[in-house]
Amino acid sequence: QLQLVESGGGLVQAGGSLRLSCAASGRTFSNYAMGWFRQAPGKEREFVAAIRWSGDTTYYTDSVKGRFTISRDNAKNTVYLQMNSLKPTDTAVYYCAEGPFAYKDYRTYDYWGQGTQVTVSS
């Protein structure tokens, strides 16, 4: 059974930066794609970014392109989300997820972390 634990969320002013981490344990991390999703109050879960198992290909939703960077360290079983130039509209609970493919559809992911709150003040 895979376990995913996110960390790094918090409160930041607009224009600031945060780095989220997601540590995996329980199965071979390097065999699977990883994704980051977010959910704001009253809204549906939204795709943010994804990375293939090898780390050579990444995908982003348009609203974060140029500001967020997803990366992974397979030796540490950890995926990261570097978030720069944060906006109040980025406020949400951020979840990492693991699945066979780096898709944008959250239903294709098998395992989820508990989430970490990111709040961006104006």
Protein backbone atom coordinates (compact mmCIF):
# COMPACT_ATOMS: atom_id res chain seq x y z
CA GLN A 1 0.00 0.00 0.00
CA LEU A 2 1.42 3.33 -1.07
CA GLN A 3 1.47 6.30 1.29
CA LEU A 4 1.88 9.89 0.15
CA VAL A 5 2.60 12.70 2.58
CA GLU A 6 2.57 16.33 1.47
CA SER A 7 4.34 19.17 3.23
CA GLY A 8 5.36 22.75 2.61
CA GLY A 9 2.02 24.52 2.51
CA GLY A 10 1.33 27.71 4.41
CA LEU A 11 0.38 31.35 4.24
CA VAL A 12 2.24 33.62 1.82
CA GLN A 13 1.71 37.07 0.36
CA ALA A 14 0.91 37.53 -3.28
CA GLY A 15 4.08 37.40 -5.34
CA GLY A 16 5.76 35.07 -2.89
CA SER A 17 6.93 31.49 -3.27
CA LEU A 18 6.36 28.11 -1.69
CA ARG A 19 7.78 24.68 -2.34
CA LEU A 20 5.55 21.70 -1.78
CA SER A 21 6.98 18.24 -1.22
CA CYS A 22 5.31 14.86 -1.44
CA ALA A 23 7.12 11.89 0.05
CA ALA A 24 6.11 8.42 -1.06
CA SER A 25 6.56 5.09 0.66
CA GLY A 26 5.25 1.60 0.18
CA ARG A 27 6.02 0.74 -3.42
CA THR A 28 8.44 1.52 -6.22
CA PHE A 29 8.04 5.25 -6.64
CA SER A 30 10.11 5.50 -9.81
CA ASN A 31 7.71 3.29 -11.80
CA TYR A 32 4.81 5.74 -11.67
CA ALA A 33 3.75 9.17 -12.78
CA MET A 34 3.01 11.84 -10.20
CA GLY A 35 0.55 14.67 -10.28
CA TRP A 36 -0.39 17.72 -8.26
CA PHE A 37 -4.01 18.80 -7.97
CA ARG A 38 -5.73 21.49 -5.97
CA GLN A 39 -9.19 22.16 -4.66
CA ALA A 40 -10.53 25.49 -3.49
CA PRO A 41 -13.66 25.77 -1.31
CA GLY A 42 -16.78 25.21 -3.36
CA LYS A 43 -14.84 24.24 -6.46
CA GLU A 44 -13.97 21.00 -8.17
CA ARG A 45 -10.58 19.37 -7.89
CA GLU A 46 -8.31 20.91 -10.52
CA PHE A 47 -5.24 19.55 -12.28
CA VAL A 48 -2.09 21.60 -11.63
CA ALA A 49 0.90 19.65 -12.92
CA ALA A 50 2.13 16.16 -13.67
CA ILE A 51 5.43 14.45 -14.35
CA ARG A 52 6.24 11.14 -15.99
CA TRP A 53 8.00 8.39 -14.07
CA SER A 54 11.33 9.29 -15.67
CA GLY A 55 11.01 12.99 -14.96
CA ASP A 56 11.71 13.88 -18.58
CA THR A 57 8.24 15.16 -19.41
CA THR A 58 6.04 17.55 -17.48
CA TYR A 59 2.58 18.99 -17.96
CA TYR A 60 0.92 22.08 -16.51
CA THR A 61 -2.43 23.71 -16.49
CA ASP A 62 -2.34 27.01 -18.35
CA SER A 63 -2.88 29.18 -15.28
CA VAL A 64 0.39 28.05 -13.65
CA LYS A 65 2.69 27.79 -16.67
CA GLY A 66 5.80 29.87 -16.17
CA ARG A 67 5.17 30.14 -12.41
CA PHE A 68 5.11 26.55 -11.12
CA THR A 69 7.64 23.78 -11.66
CA ILE A 70 7.11 20.11 -10.93
CA SER A 71 10.12 17.88 -10.39
CA ARG A 72 10.97 14.56 -8.80
CA ASP A 73 13.87 12.86 -7.09
CA ASN A 74 13.40 9.13 -7.51
CA ALA A 75 16.30 8.39 -5.17
CA LYS A 76 14.40 10.20 -2.41
CA ASN A 77 10.93 9.00 -3.44
CA THR A 78 9.81 12.60 -3.49
CA VAL A 79 8.01 14.89 -5.91
CA TYR A 80 8.11 18.66 -5.60
CA LEU A 81 6.05 21.61 -6.72
CA GLN A 82 7.93 24.89 -6.76
CA MET A 83 5.40 27.73 -6.82
CA ASN A 84 6.56 31.24 -7.65
CA SER A 85 4.70 34.51 -8.22
CA LEU A 86 1.80 33.20 -6.23
CA LYS A 87 -1.62 34.78 -6.63
CA PRO A 88 -4.67 34.80 -4.35
CA THR A 89 -6.38 32.59 -6.96
CA ASP A 90 -3.81 29.87 -6.17
CA THR A 91 -5.32 29.48 -2.70
CA ALA A 92 -6.46 25.88 -2.27
CA VAL A 93 -5.68 22.56 -0.69
CA TYR A 94 -2.96 20.94 -2.78
CA TYR A 95 -2.83 17.17 -3.21
CA CYS A 96 -0.21 14.94 -4.73
CA ALA A 97 -1.24 11.75 -6.45
CA GLU A 98 0.36 8.73 -8.04
CA GLY A 99 -0.80 6.84 -11.09
CA PRO A 100 0.32 4.92 -14.16
CA PHE A 101 0.15 7.93 -16.47
CA ALA A 102 0.82 11.66 -16.22
CA TYR A 103 -2.73 12.56 -17.16
CA LYS A 104 -4.80 15.61 -16.26
CA ASP A 105 -7.81 13.53 -15.23
CA TYR A 106 -7.76 12.96 -11.48
CA ARG A 107 -9.68 9.70 -11.97
CA THR A 108 -6.60 8.09 -13.52
CA TYR A 109 -4.62 8.37 -10.28
CA ASP A 110 -4.67 5.54 -7.76
CA TYR A 111 -3.22 7.01 -4.60
CA TRP A 112 -3.60 10.41 -2.95
CA GLY A 113 -2.00 12.32 -0.14
CA GLN A 114 -3.95 14.03 2.62
CA GLY A 115 -3.43 17.50 1.18
CA THR A 116 -1.66 20.64 2.32
CA GLN A 117 -3.23 24.09 2.56
CA VAL A 118 -1.81 26.95 0.52
CA THR A 119 -3.19 30.40 1.27
CA VAL A 120 -2.08 33.44 -0.71
CA SER A 121 -3.05 36.81 0.73
CA SER A 122 -3.46 39.93 -1.38
